[in-house]
Protein backbone atom coordinates (compact mmCIF):
# COMPACT_ATOMS: atom_id res chain seq x y z
CA MET A 1 18.55 12.63 10.56
CA ASP A 2 16.12 15.52 10.14
CA LEU A 3 13.09 15.05 7.90
CA ALA A 4 9.48 16.09 7.57
CA ILE A 5 6.53 13.79 7.00
CA VAL A 6 3.59 15.42 5.26
CA GLY A 7 0.40 13.42 5.67
CA LEU A 8 -0.34 11.67 8.96
CA GLY A 9 -2.93 9.09 8.00
CA ARG A 10 -2.87 5.39 8.87
CA MET A 11 0.61 4.95 7.43
CA GLY A 12 2.22 8.38 7.75
CA GLY A 13 1.53 8.87 11.44
CA ASN A 14 2.99 5.54 12.48
CA MET A 15 5.97 5.94 10.18
CA ALA A 16 6.70 9.25 11.88
CA ARG A 17 6.46 7.53 15.26
CA ARG A 18 8.83 4.72 14.23
CA LEU A 19 11.42 7.16 12.91
CA HIS A 20 11.14 9.33 16.02
CA ARG A 21 11.65 6.28 18.24
CA ALA A 22 14.73 5.39 16.18
CA GLY A 23 16.28 8.76 17.06
CA HIS A 24 15.49 10.83 13.97
CA ARG A 25 14.14 14.37 14.31
CA VAL A 26 10.76 14.29 12.59
CA ILE A 27 8.74 17.38 11.65
CA VAL A 28 5.08 16.44 11.12
CA HIS A 29 2.55 18.29 9.00
CA ASN A 30 -1.04 17.42 8.17
CA ARG A 31 -4.09 19.14 6.73
CA SER A 32 -5.97 18.70 10.02
CA ALA A 33 -4.22 20.00 13.13
CA GLU A 34 -5.59 17.26 15.39
CA LYS A 35 -3.10 14.69 14.06
CA ILE A 36 -0.23 17.14 14.48
CA HIS A 37 -1.13 17.83 18.13
CA GLU A 38 -1.36 14.09 18.77
CA LEU A 39 2.20 13.51 17.60
CA VAL A 40 3.58 16.65 19.24
CA ALA A 41 2.31 15.23 22.54
CA GLU A 42 4.56 12.22 21.85
CA GLY A 43 7.66 14.38 21.38
CA LEU A 44 7.67 15.02 17.64
CA THR A 45 7.90 18.54 16.19
CA GLY A 46 4.72 19.96 14.69
CA ALA A 47 4.41 22.34 11.73
CA PHE A 48 1.05 23.86 10.83
CA SER A 49 1.81 25.07 7.31
CA VAL A 50 4.01 24.04 4.41
CA GLU A 51 6.15 27.13 4.94
CA GLU A 52 6.62 26.32 8.62
CA THR A 53 7.51 22.74 7.72
CA ILE A 54 10.24 23.85 5.32
CA ALA A 55 11.58 26.46 7.74
CA ALA A 56 11.96 23.83 10.47
CA LEU A 57 14.36 21.73 8.39
CA PRO A 58 18.10 22.27 7.91
CA ALA A 59 19.47 22.23 4.37
CA PRO A 60 19.53 20.03 2.41
CA ARG A 61 15.92 19.33 3.33
CA VAL A 62 14.11 15.99 3.18
CA LEU A 63 10.32 16.06 2.86
CA TRP A 64 8.47 12.76 2.78
CA ILE A 65 4.95 12.89 1.34
CA MET A 66 2.45 10.29 2.61
CA LEU A 67 -0.73 11.28 0.77
CA PRO A 68 -3.16 9.46 -1.53
CA ALA A 69 -1.67 8.78 -4.95
CA GLY A 70 -2.70 11.01 -7.82
CA ASP A 71 -4.04 14.54 -7.48
CA ALA A 72 -3.37 14.97 -3.75
CA THR A 73 0.29 13.99 -4.08
CA GLN A 74 0.80 16.08 -7.21
CA ALA A 75 -0.80 19.13 -5.58
CA MET A 76 1.56 18.86 -2.62
CA ILE A 77 4.61 18.49 -4.87
CA ASP A 78 3.48 21.53 -6.85
CA GLU A 79 3.13 23.49 -3.60
CA LEU A 80 6.48 22.40 -2.20
CA ALA A 81 8.72 22.64 -5.25
CA PRO A 82 8.83 26.46 -5.64
CA LEU A 83 9.69 26.83 -1.94
CA LEU A 84 12.60 24.39 -1.91
CA SER A 85 16.26 24.87 -2.79
CA PRO A 86 18.54 22.89 -5.10
CA GLY A 87 19.73 19.74 -3.36
CA ASP A 88 16.52 19.29 -1.34
CA THR A 89 14.75 15.94 -1.66
CA ILE A 90 11.09 15.03 -1.98
CA VAL A 91 10.23 11.41 -1.13
CA ASP A 92 6.87 10.04 -2.30
CA GLY A 93 5.87 7.14 -0.06
CA GLY A 94 2.36 6.69 -1.45
CA ASN A 95 1.20 4.00 -3.87
CA ALA A 96 1.90 6.10 -6.95
CA ASN A 97 1.97 4.81 -10.50
CA PHE A 98 5.61 4.38 -11.50
CA HIS A 99 5.03 6.41 -14.67
CA ASP A 100 4.07 9.37 -12.45
CA SER A 101 7.24 8.86 -10.41
CA GLN A 102 9.41 8.91 -13.52
CA ARG A 103 7.71 12.11 -14.68
CA ARG A 104 8.05 13.79 -11.27
CA HIS A 105 11.73 12.85 -11.05
CA ALA A 106 12.40 14.53 -14.40
CA ALA A 107 10.35 17.64 -13.61
CA LEU A 108 11.96 18.19 -10.21
CA ALA A 109 15.45 17.57 -11.59
CA GLU A 110 14.96 20.62 -13.82
CA ARG A 111 14.68 22.66 -10.60
CA GLY A 112 17.75 21.03 -9.08
CA LEU A 113 15.58 19.04 -6.68
CA ARG A 114 15.92 15.34 -5.93
CA PHE A 115 13.01 12.92 -6.07
CA VAL A 116 12.87 9.47 -4.49
CA ASP A 117 9.97 7.04 -4.81
CA ALA A 118 9.44 4.69 -1.88
CA GLY A 119 7.03 1.77 -1.97
CA ILE A 120 6.04 0.99 1.60
CA SER A 121 4.40 -2.21 2.88
CA GLY A 122 3.36 -2.98 6.43
CA GLY A 123 -0.03 -1.40 6.96
CA VAL A 124 -1.22 -0.76 10.50
CA TRP A 125 1.34 -3.27 11.84
CA GLY A 126 4.37 -1.42 10.51
CA LEU A 127 4.96 0.62 13.66
CA THR A 128 5.76 -2.56 15.58
CA ASN A 129 7.00 -4.92 12.88
CA GLY A 130 8.68 -2.46 10.53
CA TYR A 131 7.85 -1.46 6.97
CA GLY A 132 9.05 -3.25 3.87
CA THR A 133 10.75 -0.39 2.02
CA MET A 134 11.29 -0.49 -1.76
CA VAL A 135 13.10 2.58 -3.04
CA GLY A 136 13.71 4.04 -6.47
CA GLY A 137 15.90 6.98 -7.39
CA ASP A 138 19.39 8.17 -8.25
CA VAL A 139 22.13 6.71 -6.09
CA ASP A 140 23.28 10.16 -4.94
CA ALA A 141 19.72 10.93 -3.79
CA VAL A 142 19.03 7.59 -2.13
CA ARG A 143 22.33 6.92 -0.37
CA PRO A 144 22.13 9.87 2.09
CA LEU A 145 18.61 8.77 3.10
CA GLU A 146 19.46 5.16 3.86
CA PRO A 147 19.53 5.71 7.65
CA ILE A 148 15.84 6.66 7.36
CA PHE A 149 14.97 3.68 5.18
CA ARG A 150 16.82 1.24 7.42
CA SER A 151 15.09 2.64 10.51
CA LEU A 152 11.69 2.15 8.89
CA ALA A 153 12.35 -1.38 7.69
CA PRO A 154 12.84 -4.54 9.73
CA GLU A 155 16.19 -6.28 9.38
CA GLY A 156 16.72 -7.05 5.69
CA GLY A 157 13.51 -5.26 4.66
CA TYR A 158 15.00 -2.36 2.69
CA VAL A 159 16.00 -2.50 -0.97
CA HIS A 160 17.17 0.17 -3.39
CA ALA A 161 15.36 -1.32 -6.37
CA GLY A 162 16.82 0.91 -9.09
CA PRO A 163 16.46 4.32 -10.74
CA ALA A 164 13.45 6.64 -10.65
CA GLY A 165 10.16 4.77 -10.56
CA ALA A 166 11.70 1.42 -9.62
CA GLY A 167 10.54 1.60 -6.00
CA HIS A 168 6.92 2.14 -6.97
CA TYR A 169 7.25 -0.43 -9.75
CA VAL A 170 8.40 -3.12 -7.30
CA LYS A 171 5.66 -2.13 -4.85
CA MET A 172 3.09 -2.37 -7.66
CA VAL A 173 4.10 -5.94 -8.45
CA HIS A 174 4.25 -6.71 -4.71
CA ASN A 175 0.61 -5.66 -4.41
CA GLY A 176 -0.36 -7.68 -7.47
CA ILE A 177 1.15 -10.77 -5.83
CA GLU A 178 -0.71 -9.87 -2.64
CA TYR A 179 -4.01 -9.93 -4.58
CA GLY A 180 -3.29 -13.47 -5.78
CA LEU A 181 -2.28 -14.75 -2.35
CA MET A 182 -5.34 -13.27 -0.68
CA GLN A 183 -7.64 -14.72 -3.32
CA ALA A 184 -6.15 -18.20 -2.89
CA TYR A 185 -6.68 -18.08 0.87
CA ALA A 186 -10.22 -16.77 0.39
CA GLU A 187 -11.14 -19.59 -1.99
CA GLY A 188 -9.60 -22.26 0.20
CA PHE A 189 -11.42 -21.11 3.32
CA GLU A 190 -14.68 -20.87 1.39
CA ILE A 191 -14.33 -24.54 0.38
CA LEU A 192 -13.69 -25.47 4.01
CA HIS A 193 -16.65 -23.33 5.15
CA ALA A 194 -18.98 -24.98 2.62
CA SER A 195 -17.95 -28.54 3.40
CA ALA A 196 -20.03 -31.07 5.35
CA TYR A 197 -17.37 -31.19 8.05
CA PRO A 198 -17.77 -28.95 11.13
CA ILE A 199 -14.35 -27.39 10.58
CA ASP A 200 -13.06 -24.76 13.00
CA LEU A 201 -11.53 -22.31 10.53
CA GLU A 202 -9.76 -20.31 13.23
CA ALA A 203 -8.06 -23.47 14.50
CA VAL A 204 -7.10 -24.52 10.98
CA ALA A 205 -5.67 -21.09 10.12
CA LYS A 206 -3.59 -21.09 13.29
CA ALA A 207 -2.43 -24.70 12.83
CA TRP A 208 -1.35 -23.98 9.27
CA GLN A 209 1.03 -21.37 10.70
CA HIS A 210 3.28 -24.13 12.04
CA GLY A 211 5.39 -26.11 9.61
CA THR A 212 3.16 -25.92 6.51
CA VAL A 213 4.30 -24.60 3.15
CA ILE A 214 1.43 -22.06 3.05
CA ARG A 215 2.24 -20.38 6.35
CA SER A 216 2.42 -16.60 6.06
CA TRP A 217 1.53 -13.32 7.72
CA LEU A 218 -1.66 -13.13 5.65
CA LEU A 219 -2.66 -16.54 7.01
CA GLU A 220 -1.95 -15.28 10.53
CA LEU A 221 -4.29 -12.36 9.84
CA ALA A 222 -6.96 -14.78 8.60
CA GLY A 223 -6.75 -16.58 11.93
CA ARG A 224 -7.15 -13.26 13.75
CA ALA A 225 -10.18 -12.39 11.61
CA PHE A 226 -11.90 -15.69 12.45
CA GLU A 227 -11.02 -15.18 16.12
CA GLN A 228 -12.57 -11.71 16.14
CA HIS A 229 -15.60 -12.27 13.91
CA GLY A 230 -16.30 -16.00 14.09
CA THR A 231 -16.34 -18.60 11.33
CA ASP A 232 -19.16 -16.82 9.49
CA LEU A 233 -17.31 -13.47 9.63
CA ALA A 234 -20.43 -11.82 10.98
CA GLY A 235 -20.70 -8.13 10.19
CA ILE A 236 -18.28 -8.19 7.25
CA ARG A 237 -19.68 -7.83 3.74
CA GLY A 238 -17.89 -9.53 0.88
CA TRP A 239 -17.26 -6.19 -0.88
CA VAL A 240 -13.59 -5.81 -1.78
CA ALA A 241 -11.99 -2.59 -3.03
CA ASP A 242 -8.83 -2.23 -5.06
CA SER A 243 -6.52 0.75 -4.80
CA GLY A 244 -5.04 0.61 -8.30
CA GLU A 245 -1.81 -1.35 -8.01
CA GLY A 246 -3.43 -4.62 -9.09
CA ARG A 247 -4.79 -2.97 -12.23
CA TRP A 248 -1.39 -1.45 -13.01
CA THR A 249 0.30 -4.82 -12.51
CA VAL A 250 -2.11 -6.51 -14.92
CA GLN A 251 -1.66 -3.72 -17.47
CA GLU A 252 2.12 -4.00 -17.21
CA ALA A 253 1.89 -7.78 -17.71
CA ILE A 254 -0.17 -7.17 -20.86
CA ASP A 255 2.29 -4.54 -22.12
CA LEU A 256 5.21 -6.94 -21.55
CA ASP A 257 3.39 -10.01 -22.97
CA VAL A 258 3.82 -11.74 -19.61
CA PRO A 259 1.06 -14.22 -18.68
CA ALA A 260 -0.26 -13.38 -15.21
CA PRO A 261 -3.55 -15.32 -14.94
CA VAL A 262 -3.65 -15.60 -11.13
CA ILE A 263 -3.13 -11.89 -10.49
CA THR A 264 -5.55 -10.98 -13.29
CA LEU A 265 -8.31 -13.27 -12.03
CA SER A 266 -7.83 -12.10 -8.44
CA LEU A 267 -8.39 -8.53 -9.63
CA LEU A 268 -11.53 -9.57 -11.52
CA ALA A 269 -12.79 -11.38 -8.41
CA ARG A 270 -12.64 -8.06 -6.57
CA PHE A 271 -14.76 -6.48 -9.29
CA ALA A 272 -17.28 -9.31 -8.94
CA SER A 273 -17.44 -8.82 -5.17
CA ARG A 274 -18.98 -5.37 -5.67
CA GLN A 275 -21.97 -6.59 -7.66
CA ASP A 276 -25.20 -7.02 -5.75
CA GLU A 277 -26.51 -8.81 -8.81
CA SER A 278 -24.35 -9.88 -11.75
CA TYR A 279 -25.83 -8.79 -15.07
CA GLY A 280 -23.51 -11.24 -16.82
CA ALA A 281 -24.96 -14.08 -14.72
CA GLN A 282 -28.46 -12.93 -15.69
CA VAL A 283 -27.49 -13.14 -19.36
CA LEU A 284 -26.11 -16.65 -18.80
CA ALA A 285 -29.33 -17.75 -17.10
CA ALA A 286 -31.40 -16.25 -19.92
CA LEU A 287 -29.32 -18.01 -22.58
CA ARG A 288 -29.69 -21.40 -20.86
CA GLN A 289 -33.43 -20.88 -20.74
CA GLN A 290 -33.53 -19.90 -24.42
CA PHE A 291 -31.58 -22.82 -25.87
CA GLY A 292 -32.37 -25.57 -23.40
CA GLY A 293 -35.55 -24.60 -21.65
CA HIS A 294 -33.71 -24.59 -18.32
CA ALA A 295 -35.54 -23.10 -15.36
CA VAL A 296 -34.61 -19.63 -14.13
CA LYS A 297 -35.11 -18.07 -10.76
CA GLU A 298 -37.43 -15.11 -10.88
CA GLY A 299 -36.27 -12.01 -9.05
C-alpha cells in the first residue's frame, strides 16, 4: 500500500522502516530534513513539505501522523484537512486522549474525511519485534488499512478495538496496566536490593524469565538494565515521568466507579519520584514531634 508517515521520531521513523521492509511504499515527512534524508538513503520516499507529501500519494490518500499528543497533532490535522479530498484518511498513531479522537473523527467526517485512531506499543524495539496495534474507527475506514496494521504488528498483535476513540482508549488502559506492572517490579527489586543477602539482581531477573509466573518482557528489560548499569543502577536517577495515559486511566476509573488502586498508586509513586524533598513528609515529621516529642532530622 501507499501511505505517508508524518513525524519521524523514535516511533515514527522505525514504523516507516518496518512498513517499507514489508513492501509498502512509504512517503516520509518531518519538520527537520535530517530525518527525511536518513530514511531516503534507506530507500523510502522523502517529502519536504505537507503539500509535497500529499502530492506524492495516490487517491484515496492515507496519512499517518506520529507526533506528540495534543497541540502538535491538532496543528498538523488542521494543516492537512483543507488540502485533502473526500475519502482520504488521517491516522493518528500518537498517545492521544480518546475524547480528542472522538472529536477529531466527527470534525473530519463533516469534510468527508476518514479518521482512524491507532494506539501503538513497542517502543524502540518495535522495528524488530513488531508493534502492538490497537485501532479505533469506522469499519469502512479501518478495513482497507489492515494490510498496514498487520505489517506493523507481530503475529496476533493487531486488534480493531471498536469505533472512533476505541484504539486510543485501549492503549490508554494498556499504559495504565504498564504503570502497575513496572511499579511492582520496582518495589520487588528494591526489597531484594535492601536485603542482607548479596543478591545478584541481574541473575535473578534473568532466571525469573524461565518458567516463573512473573516472566515478561518488562522483566527481560530489567535484566538488561542491571547488566548495563550494575545492581546499583549507577548514573540513573529515580525520577520518573508520566506521559498522560496513566492519569487518563485513573480518571476514567473514577468516572466509571471502577476501583483501580494499583494503577492509581503507581501513578502517585511517579509523582513522588520527582520530589527532591517531600513537603508532606516534612509535615508528618513535624506532627510526630508536636504530639509525641519524637526527634526530627534537621535539614
